[in-house]
Amino acid sequence: MKEITRIHLAKTPFSVEVDAKKSLEKYLNLIQKNMHAEPEAMREIEARMVELLAERGVSKDGVIGNDDVLAVQKQMGEPRDFSDDASEAIDEIEDKDIDDKPARQLMRDPDNAIIGGVCAGVAAYFNINPLWVRLIAIISPFMTFGTAVLIYVVMWLSMPPARTASDKLRMRGEPVTLAALKKAAVDEASAAADGSRVTAIAKVFRYSSGALIFLMTLALLIGLIVGGAFGISAINWLGGLGVQMWAWGLWISLVIGGVAAVVLGMVLARSVFTWTMNRVSMIAMITATIVISMSMAGAGVFGMQAGSEFSYEVQRLMRKMDVKMPDTNGVKSIVIEGSTGSVVRTDSDKLRVEANYVDLPSVKQPTIKARRDGDRLILSVEEECPRTMFFGSCHMFGAPVRFKIYAPADVSINSPTYYDEDELEHSKAEVTKKIFE
């Protein structure tokens, strides 16, 4: 029976045999004394010990025995093997390990990261300048039709970050020894001091970018709410038509895509504000991007089908009616109010007006009035449409009433949108003639 006590190595709790604890304390004290190791270096050394213990199957809350302590000392080396002068110790280790380099490990390099540290980690693995890897990462999406972006995201999620000094040494293929850990800790402290001198301009740019993304996302959310209500009113207006089913599919696709876009914007704004990107945020962004892509594809399919179905419904429900006319003797011009029309020139002195309209189930037959005002004939349309939250008229998809006016050549038409069928046919004939000439 052996007595057990509790210790912490690099903030990781372990149970340890009392004899093993004494040996471990003695070992750590010798390291600190002989190498003049700073607290940062000692934390990295303890973190390396935790890794070596995990390799032996002693994880968090596990029991450390004498054999485990001896194995750790053997792998890390004895403090007396190194000189008090750090540069001499480093040179000695580098000379000793030239022919015995440890295997490199592919890891993300968060210290030199621009986005996720993937390119910096790959550059460290192959011992090349990160600039070349980043240039390839920028160019490759255009050559692979976006596949490289997915590969980058997968590598981001699968590659572990090099957080501790031992991780960074293994990433570069350097030996994980006491002297190397000490040098890495000193370099990290120096880099942290340099990093603390971040300019105010960089912070302003970061916060401004985050605020801009947040405001754009907020505008998208408002547009989604208003557009969603607008879409429901439009779909209700199509009640009784076969196109309504496709319209609902289009609305649902757009709403799902809009919600995913809002989520993506919120996560991206948070990441820019905090300048961090954790695994949960990455998964949320990838999921939102996939949902947006799928919803846009669905919206395209439903939209094309809805447009085709609506065109068919309009042709099927098109109706004609003759407009009851007052006395038209002396009429010099015709005014069309709130609608469109076309003109057919005739040799007759009498005016005749034909109205074409779409007989929608949700819209009553329009009332068309023709009245005289001096030498003018005024045509107007009174539509009775269902009032909704956003619609109080029938002009959602263009004016549903179009006039066809049979008039003499001396009668002018005053309307924002009308065309003369004789002139149109003449223009078509001229164009055809020029093409064949």
Protein backbone atom coordinates (compact mmCIF):
# COMPACT_ATOMS: atom_id res chain seq x y z
CA MET A 1 0.00 0.00 0.00
CA LYS A 2 1.36 3.38 -1.06
CA GLU A 3 0.39 6.82 0.14
CA ILE A 4 -1.19 9.06 -2.52
CA THR A 5 -1.36 12.87 -2.64
CA ARG A 6 -2.52 15.51 -5.13
CA ILE A 7 -0.46 17.84 -7.32
CA HIS A 8 -0.97 20.14 -10.30
CA LEU A 9 1.27 20.20 -13.36
CA ALA A 10 0.54 23.08 -15.74
CA LYS A 11 -2.85 23.49 -14.01
CA THR A 12 -3.66 19.81 -14.69
CA PRO A 13 -4.59 17.83 -11.54
CA PHE A 14 -2.95 14.45 -10.87
CA SER A 15 -2.77 11.95 -8.07
CA VAL A 16 0.84 10.98 -7.27
CA GLU A 17 2.68 8.59 -4.99
CA VAL A 18 4.49 10.42 -2.19
CA ASP A 19 7.93 9.08 -3.25
CA ALA A 20 7.23 9.99 -6.87
CA LYS A 21 6.19 13.47 -5.80
CA LYS A 22 9.48 14.00 -3.97
CA SER A 23 11.46 12.86 -7.03
CA LEU A 24 9.42 15.12 -9.31
CA GLU A 25 9.86 18.13 -7.01
CA LYS A 26 13.61 17.53 -6.84
CA TYR A 27 13.78 17.26 -10.64
CA LEU A 28 11.86 20.49 -11.18
CA ASN A 29 13.93 22.34 -8.56
CA LEU A 30 17.16 21.23 -10.26
CA ILE A 31 15.84 22.45 -13.61
CA GLN A 32 15.00 25.83 -12.16
CA LYS A 33 18.33 26.10 -10.36
CA ASN A 34 20.72 24.84 -13.04
CA MET A 35 19.00 26.53 -16.02
CA HIS A 36 17.87 29.68 -14.22
CA ALA A 37 14.50 29.03 -15.84
CA GLU A 38 11.90 31.79 -15.65
CA PRO A 39 8.29 31.05 -14.56
CA GLU A 40 7.19 31.03 -18.22
CA ALA A 41 9.80 28.40 -19.03
CA MET A 42 8.80 26.30 -16.00
CA ARG A 43 5.16 26.35 -17.12
CA GLU A 44 6.19 25.10 -20.55
CA ILE A 45 8.33 22.38 -18.98
CA GLU A 46 5.40 21.25 -16.84
CA ALA A 47 3.13 21.27 -19.91
CA ARG A 48 5.65 19.02 -21.70
CA MET A 49 5.59 16.68 -18.71
CA VAL A 50 1.81 16.48 -18.94
CA GLU A 51 2.14 15.48 -22.60
CA LEU A 52 4.72 12.80 -21.84
CA LEU A 53 2.57 11.41 -19.02
CA ALA A 54 -0.42 11.29 -21.37
CA GLU A 55 1.68 9.26 -23.81
CA ARG A 56 2.25 6.76 -20.98
CA GLY A 57 -1.50 6.60 -20.30
CA VAL A 58 -1.49 8.88 -17.25
CA SER A 59 -4.05 11.54 -18.08
CA LYS A 60 -5.87 14.12 -15.97
CA ASP A 61 -6.65 12.85 -12.43
CA GLY A 62 -4.50 9.77 -13.11
CA VAL A 63 -1.92 8.36 -10.67
CA ILE A 64 1.79 9.14 -11.24
CA GLY A 65 4.26 6.54 -10.01
CA ASN A 66 8.06 6.41 -9.70
CA ASP A 67 8.36 4.65 -13.05
CA ASP A 68 6.46 7.50 -14.71
CA VAL A 69 8.76 10.12 -13.19
CA LEU A 70 11.89 8.20 -14.29
CA ALA A 71 10.49 7.87 -17.83
CA VAL A 72 9.78 11.59 -18.01
CA GLN A 73 13.32 12.42 -16.81
CA LYS A 74 14.82 10.08 -19.38
CA GLN A 75 12.89 11.65 -22.23
CA MET A 76 13.46 15.25 -21.18
CA GLY A 77 17.07 14.90 -20.03
CA GLU A 78 18.89 15.84 -16.85
CA PRO A 79 19.37 19.52 -15.93
CA ARG A 80 23.09 19.04 -15.29
CA ASP A 81 23.57 18.12 -18.93
CA PHE A 82 23.09 21.76 -19.91
CA SER A 83 25.25 24.80 -19.35
CA ASP A 84 24.16 27.77 -17.33
CA ASP A 85 24.59 29.83 -20.49
CA ALA A 86 21.41 29.34 -22.52
CA SER A 87 23.07 30.04 -25.88
CA GLU A 88 25.77 27.40 -25.27
CA ALA A 89 23.15 24.88 -24.19
CA ILE A 90 21.09 25.55 -27.27
CA ASP A 91 24.09 25.20 -29.56
CA GLU A 92 25.02 21.92 -27.87
CA ILE A 93 21.54 20.50 -28.37
CA GLU A 94 21.35 21.65 -31.96
CA ASP A 95 24.71 20.02 -32.74
CA LYS A 96 23.71 16.81 -31.00
CA ASP A 97 20.39 16.46 -32.78
CA ILE A 98 21.41 17.33 -36.34
CA ASP A 99 21.28 13.69 -37.35
CA ASP A 100 18.37 12.78 -35.10
CA LYS A 101 15.57 15.22 -35.82
CA PRO A 102 12.16 14.24 -34.44
CA ALA A 103 9.24 13.78 -36.79
CA ARG A 104 7.39 16.98 -37.62
CA GLN A 105 3.73 17.27 -36.65
CA LEU A 106 1.20 19.18 -38.79
CA MET A 107 -0.45 21.76 -36.54
CA ARG A 108 -1.99 25.21 -36.88
CA ASP A 109 0.25 28.13 -35.94
CA PRO A 110 -1.95 30.67 -34.11
CA ASP A 111 1.02 32.95 -33.34
CA ASN A 112 1.57 33.74 -37.03
CA ALA A 113 -2.04 33.34 -38.13
CA ILE A 114 -3.95 35.75 -40.34
CA ILE A 115 -7.20 33.78 -40.27
CA GLY A 116 -6.85 30.35 -38.68
CA GLY A 117 -3.13 29.62 -38.77
CA VAL A 118 -3.47 26.82 -41.35
CA CYS A 119 -1.09 28.35 -43.90
CA ALA A 120 1.46 29.24 -41.22
CA GLY A 121 1.27 25.68 -39.84
CA VAL A 122 1.77 24.13 -43.28
CA ALA A 123 4.72 26.46 -43.90
CA ALA A 124 6.30 25.45 -40.57
CA TYR A 125 5.77 21.76 -41.41
CA PHE A 126 7.56 22.07 -44.76
CA ASN A 127 10.03 24.70 -43.45
CA ILE A 128 9.16 27.30 -46.09
CA ASN A 129 8.08 30.94 -46.05
CA PRO A 130 4.37 31.28 -45.11
CA LEU A 131 4.00 33.90 -47.87
CA TRP A 132 4.18 31.24 -50.59
CA VAL A 133 1.58 29.07 -48.89
CA ARG A 134 -0.75 32.05 -48.50
CA LEU A 135 -0.35 33.01 -52.16
CA ILE A 136 -1.30 29.47 -53.16
CA ALA A 137 -4.29 29.61 -50.79
CA ILE A 138 -5.47 32.86 -52.40
CA ILE A 139 -5.10 31.64 -55.99
CA SER A 140 -6.31 28.05 -55.57
CA PRO A 141 -10.06 28.81 -55.03
CA PHE A 142 -10.24 30.32 -58.53
CA MET A 143 -8.52 27.27 -60.03
CA THR A 144 -10.59 24.70 -58.09
CA PHE A 145 -13.99 26.45 -58.33
CA GLY A 146 -14.11 27.01 -54.57
CA THR A 147 -13.06 23.49 -53.53
CA ALA A 148 -9.89 24.87 -51.95
CA VAL A 149 -12.00 26.89 -49.51
CA LEU A 150 -13.66 23.70 -48.29
CA ILE A 151 -10.25 22.02 -47.95
CA TYR A 152 -9.01 24.98 -45.91
CA VAL A 153 -12.02 24.77 -43.59
CA VAL A 154 -11.56 21.01 -43.13
CA MET A 155 -7.88 21.52 -42.28
CA TRP A 156 -8.84 24.28 -39.84
CA LEU A 157 -11.19 21.94 -38.01
CA SER A 158 -8.93 18.87 -38.09
CA MET A 159 -5.49 20.38 -37.37
CA PRO A 160 -4.81 20.96 -33.65
CA PRO A 161 -3.41 24.37 -32.70
CA ALA A 162 0.19 24.65 -31.48
CA ARG A 163 -0.49 26.28 -28.12
CA THR A 164 2.36 25.14 -25.86
CA ALA A 165 6.08 25.53 -26.47
CA SER A 166 6.46 21.78 -26.99
CA ASP A 167 3.68 21.89 -29.61
CA LYS A 168 5.53 24.61 -31.49
CA LEU A 169 8.80 22.69 -31.32
CA ARG A 170 7.20 19.52 -32.70
CA MET A 171 5.48 21.59 -35.42
CA ARG A 172 8.89 22.78 -36.62
CA GLY A 173 10.53 19.37 -36.14
CA GLU A 174 12.81 20.56 -33.32
CA PRO A 175 13.78 18.42 -30.31
CA VAL A 176 11.61 18.93 -27.23
CA THR A 177 14.32 19.34 -24.58
CA LEU A 178 14.74 21.47 -21.50
CA ALA A 179 16.96 24.00 -23.25
CA ALA A 180 14.63 24.20 -26.23
CA LEU A 181 11.65 24.73 -23.95
CA LYS A 182 13.49 27.48 -22.12
CA LYS A 183 14.42 29.25 -25.36
CA ALA A 184 10.84 28.90 -26.66
CA ALA A 185 9.45 30.37 -23.45
CA VAL A 186 11.82 33.35 -23.70
CA ASP A 187 10.90 33.89 -27.35
CA GLU A 188 7.19 33.64 -26.55
CA ALA A 189 7.50 36.20 -23.76
CA SER A 190 9.33 38.55 -26.13
CA ALA A 191 6.67 38.03 -28.83
CA ALA A 192 3.94 38.70 -26.29
CA ALA A 193 5.64 41.95 -25.32
CA ASP A 194 5.83 42.99 -28.97
CA GLY A 195 2.23 41.96 -29.55
CA SER A 196 1.06 44.13 -26.67
CA ARG A 197 2.14 47.18 -28.69
CA VAL A 198 -0.76 46.84 -31.10
CA THR A 199 -1.53 50.24 -32.54
CA ALA A 200 -4.77 52.05 -31.86
CA ILE A 201 -5.37 52.24 -35.62
CA ALA A 202 -5.51 48.45 -35.86
CA LYS A 203 -8.03 48.29 -33.03
CA VAL A 204 -10.18 51.00 -34.60
CA PHE A 205 -10.13 49.14 -37.92
CA ARG A 206 -11.13 45.88 -36.21
CA TYR A 207 -13.98 47.39 -34.24
CA SER A 208 -15.16 49.41 -37.25
CA SER A 209 -15.24 46.26 -39.37
CA GLY A 210 -17.15 44.40 -36.68
CA ALA A 211 -19.65 47.26 -36.32
CA LEU A 212 -20.14 47.41 -40.09
CA ILE A 213 -20.82 43.67 -40.28
CA PHE A 214 -23.22 43.93 -37.34
CA LEU A 215 -25.16 46.82 -38.92
CA MET A 216 -25.38 44.97 -42.24
CA THR A 217 -26.67 41.90 -40.41
CA LEU A 218 -29.21 44.03 -38.53
CA ALA A 219 -30.41 45.53 -41.83
CA LEU A 220 -30.69 42.03 -43.26
CA LEU A 221 -32.78 40.96 -40.26
CA ILE A 222 -35.17 43.91 -40.68
CA GLY A 223 -35.40 43.21 -44.40
CA LEU A 224 -36.12 39.56 -43.66
CA ILE A 225 -39.01 40.44 -41.34
CA VAL A 226 -40.54 43.03 -43.68
CA GLY A 227 -39.93 40.92 -46.78
CA GLY A 228 -41.39 37.86 -45.10
CA ALA A 229 -44.63 39.70 -44.29
CA PHE A 230 -44.67 41.21 -47.79
CA GLY A 231 -44.27 37.74 -49.29
CA ILE A 232 -47.16 36.32 -47.27
CA SER A 233 -49.44 39.08 -48.54
CA ALA A 234 -48.33 38.42 -52.11
CA ILE A 235 -48.96 34.69 -51.76
CA ASN A 236 -52.41 35.28 -50.28
CA TRP A 237 -53.17 37.50 -53.28
CA LEU A 238 -52.51 34.44 -55.48
CA GLY A 239 -55.12 32.37 -53.65
CA GLY A 240 -56.88 29.84 -55.88
CA LEU A 241 -54.06 29.63 -58.43
CA GLY A 242 -51.71 26.72 -58.99
CA VAL A 243 -48.74 29.07 -58.76
CA GLN A 244 -49.43 29.61 -55.06
CA MET A 245 -47.76 26.31 -54.11
CA TRP A 246 -44.54 27.27 -55.92
CA ALA A 247 -44.72 30.74 -54.40
CA TRP A 248 -44.81 29.20 -50.93
CA GLY A 249 -41.74 27.12 -51.80
CA LEU A 250 -39.93 30.24 -52.97
CA TRP A 251 -40.91 32.12 -49.78
CA ILE A 252 -39.76 29.29 -47.50
CA SER A 253 -36.43 28.96 -49.34
CA LEU A 254 -35.74 32.69 -49.08
CA VAL A 255 -36.70 32.81 -45.39
CA ILE A 256 -34.43 29.86 -44.52
CA GLY A 257 -31.58 31.42 -46.48
CA GLY A 258 -32.18 34.78 -44.81
CA VAL A 259 -32.13 33.29 -41.31
CA ALA A 260 -28.90 31.44 -42.12
CA ALA A 261 -27.40 34.67 -43.46
CA VAL A 262 -28.32 36.48 -40.23
CA VAL A 263 -26.68 33.72 -38.16
CA LEU A 264 -23.57 33.88 -40.36
CA GLY A 265 -23.39 37.66 -39.98
CA MET A 266 -23.79 37.54 -36.19
CA VAL A 267 -21.09 34.88 -35.77
CA LEU A 268 -18.76 36.73 -38.13
CA ALA A 269 -19.34 40.05 -36.31
CA ARG A 270 -18.60 38.41 -32.95
CA SER A 271 -15.43 36.82 -34.31
CA VAL A 272 -14.21 40.15 -35.69
CA PHE A 273 -14.97 41.99 -32.43
CA THR A 274 -13.15 39.40 -30.30
CA TRP A 275 -10.60 38.53 -33.02
CA THR A 276 -11.00 34.84 -32.15
CA MET A 277 -12.43 31.90 -34.03
CA ASN A 278 -13.30 28.79 -32.03
CA ARG A 279 -14.51 25.45 -33.33
CA VAL A 280 -18.17 26.16 -32.53
CA SER A 281 -18.07 29.41 -34.50
CA MET A 282 -16.45 27.68 -37.45
CA ILE A 283 -19.05 24.90 -37.48
CA ALA A 284 -21.85 27.50 -37.27
CA MET A 285 -20.39 29.49 -40.17
CA ILE A 286 -19.89 26.40 -42.34
CA THR A 287 -23.42 25.17 -41.60
CA ALA A 288 -24.90 28.60 -42.34
CA THR A 289 -22.97 28.82 -45.62
CA ILE A 290 -24.21 25.39 -46.72
CA VAL A 291 -27.80 26.28 -45.77
CA ILE A 292 -27.58 29.56 -47.70
CA SER A 293 -26.26 27.77 -50.79
CA MET A 294 -28.99 25.13 -50.65
CA SER A 295 -31.74 27.69 -50.02
CA MET A 296 -30.57 29.85 -52.93
CA ALA A 297 -30.61 26.79 -55.19
CA GLY A 298 -34.12 25.95 -53.97
CA ALA A 299 -35.24 29.55 -54.46
CA GLY A 300 -33.97 29.44 -58.03
CA VAL A 301 -35.90 26.25 -58.79
CA PHE A 302 -39.12 27.44 -57.12
CA GLY A 303 -38.77 30.91 -58.68
CA MET A 304 -38.43 29.60 -62.23
CA GLN A 305 -41.33 27.21 -61.74
CA ALA A 306 -43.47 29.96 -60.18
CA GLY A 307 -42.74 32.31 -63.07
CA SER A 308 -43.60 29.67 -65.65
CA GLU A 309 -46.77 28.69 -63.81
CA PHE A 310 -47.85 32.32 -63.39
CA SER A 311 -47.41 33.00 -67.11
CA TYR A 312 -49.57 29.98 -67.89
CA GLU A 313 -52.22 31.10 -65.37
CA VAL A 314 -52.30 34.61 -66.85
CA GLN A 315 -52.90 33.26 -70.34
CA ARG A 316 -55.53 30.83 -69.10
CA LEU A 317 -57.43 33.45 -67.12
CA MET A 318 -57.23 36.26 -69.69
CA ARG A 319 -60.69 37.71 -70.44
CA LYS A 320 -61.96 40.31 -72.95
CA MET A 321 -64.81 42.76 -72.64
CA ASP A 322 -66.13 45.66 -74.73
CA VAL A 323 -66.20 48.99 -72.96
CA LYS A 324 -69.51 50.83 -73.04
CA MET A 325 -68.79 54.12 -74.79
CA PRO A 326 -70.48 57.54 -74.57
CA ASP A 327 -70.99 59.71 -77.67
CA THR A 328 -67.55 59.85 -79.34
CA ASN A 329 -68.29 62.38 -82.06
CA GLY A 330 -65.67 65.11 -82.02
CA VAL A 331 -63.23 63.23 -79.78
CA LYS A 332 -59.68 64.37 -80.58
CA SER A 333 -57.74 62.54 -77.89
CA ILE A 334 -58.06 59.62 -75.49
CA VAL A 335 -56.65 59.68 -71.94
CA ILE A 336 -55.97 56.39 -70.13
CA GLU A 337 -55.82 56.68 -66.34
CA GLY A 338 -53.98 54.07 -64.29
CA SER A 339 -53.57 51.46 -66.98
CA THR A 340 -51.86 50.64 -70.28
CA GLY A 341 -53.03 50.01 -73.78
CA SER A 342 -52.38 49.63 -77.47
CA VAL A 343 -53.91 51.37 -80.48
CA VAL A 344 -55.16 49.95 -83.78
CA ARG A 345 -55.74 52.61 -86.44
CA THR A 346 -58.93 52.13 -88.45
CA ASP A 347 -60.73 53.85 -91.31
CA SER A 348 -63.94 54.05 -89.30
CA ASP A 349 -64.96 57.32 -87.63
CA LYS A 350 -66.20 55.51 -84.55
CA LEU A 351 -64.11 54.63 -81.54
CA ARG A 352 -64.19 51.17 -80.04
CA VAL A 353 -62.39 50.11 -76.88
CA GLU A 354 -61.72 46.54 -75.80
CA ALA A 355 -60.47 45.74 -72.28
CA ASN A 356 -58.30 42.70 -71.51
CA TYR A 357 -57.97 41.62 -67.89
CA VAL A 358 -56.91 38.61 -65.83
CA ASP A 359 -59.83 37.00 -64.05
CA LEU A 360 -58.10 36.15 -60.77
CA PRO A 361 -60.11 34.22 -58.16
CA SER A 362 -59.23 36.73 -55.43
CA VAL A 363 -60.05 39.81 -57.54
CA LYS A 364 -63.48 40.91 -58.68
CA GLN A 365 -64.11 41.92 -62.28
CA PRO A 366 -62.82 45.50 -62.80
CA THR A 367 -65.26 48.30 -63.46
CA ILE A 368 -64.25 50.35 -66.50
CA LYS A 369 -65.65 53.80 -67.07
CA ALA A 370 -65.49 55.95 -70.19
CA ARG A 371 -66.50 59.62 -69.97
CA ARG A 372 -66.27 62.75 -72.10
CA ASP A 373 -64.39 65.87 -71.08
CA GLY A 374 -64.72 68.29 -73.97
CA ASP A 375 -62.96 66.76 -76.94
CA ARG A 376 -61.24 64.19 -74.74
CA LEU A 377 -62.35 60.66 -73.93
CA ILE A 378 -61.16 59.53 -70.49
CA LEU A 379 -60.83 55.81 -69.70
CA SER A 380 -60.45 54.80 -66.07
CA VAL A 381 -60.40 51.51 -64.16
CA GLU A 382 -61.95 50.88 -60.77
CA GLU A 383 -60.52 47.67 -59.31
CA GLU A 384 -61.87 45.82 -56.30
CA CYS A 385 -59.04 43.88 -54.74
CA PRO A 386 -58.68 42.20 -51.35
CA ARG A 387 -56.87 44.50 -48.96
CA THR A 388 -53.91 42.96 -47.14
CA MET A 389 -51.20 44.19 -44.83
CA PHE A 390 -49.17 45.58 -47.74
CA PHE A 391 -51.51 45.65 -50.72
CA GLY A 392 -54.54 47.80 -51.32
CA SER A 393 -54.49 47.64 -55.12
CA CYS A 394 -54.19 45.11 -57.91
CA HIS A 395 -50.90 46.31 -59.37
CA MET A 396 -48.61 43.73 -57.84
CA PHE A 397 -47.47 42.09 -61.07
CA GLY A 398 -48.31 44.94 -63.45
CA ALA A 399 -51.67 46.47 -64.38
CA PRO A 400 -54.18 43.62 -64.83
CA VAL A 401 -56.29 45.67 -67.29
CA ARG A 402 -55.00 46.56 -70.75
CA PHE A 403 -56.98 48.51 -73.30
CA LYS A 404 -57.06 47.85 -77.01
CA ILE A 405 -58.32 50.99 -78.75
CA TYR A 406 -59.62 50.99 -82.32
CA ALA A 407 -59.35 54.64 -83.33
CA PRO A 408 -59.03 56.84 -86.47
CA ALA A 409 -55.62 58.20 -87.37
CA ASP A 410 -56.46 61.76 -86.18
CA VAL A 411 -57.15 60.72 -82.57
CA SER A 412 -54.16 61.02 -80.22
CA ILE A 413 -53.58 58.83 -77.17
CA ASN A 414 -52.36 60.28 -73.86
CA SER A 415 -51.06 57.49 -71.65
CA PRO A 416 -47.74 56.79 -69.95
CA THR A 417 -47.47 53.36 -71.58
CA TYR A 418 -49.14 52.52 -74.85
CA TYR A 419 -48.03 51.60 -78.33
CA ASP A 420 -49.43 51.90 -81.84
CA GLU A 421 -49.75 48.43 -83.35
CA ASP A 422 -49.50 49.77 -86.93
CA GLU A 423 -46.28 51.63 -86.10
CA LEU A 424 -44.94 48.57 -84.31
CA GLU A 425 -45.61 46.34 -87.32
CA HIS A 426 -44.01 48.94 -89.60
CA SER A 427 -40.91 49.07 -87.39
CA LYS A 428 -40.64 45.27 -87.40
CA ALA A 429 -40.90 45.22 -91.18
CA GLU A 430 -38.17 47.87 -91.49
CA VAL A 431 -35.85 45.94 -89.18
CA THR A 432 -36.45 42.70 -91.09
CA LYS A 433 -35.80 44.47 -94.39
CA LYS A 434 -32.48 45.86 -93.16
CA ILE A 435 -31.38 42.47 -91.87
CA PHE A 436 -31.97 40.79 -95.22
CA GLU A 437 -30.37 43.68 -97.13
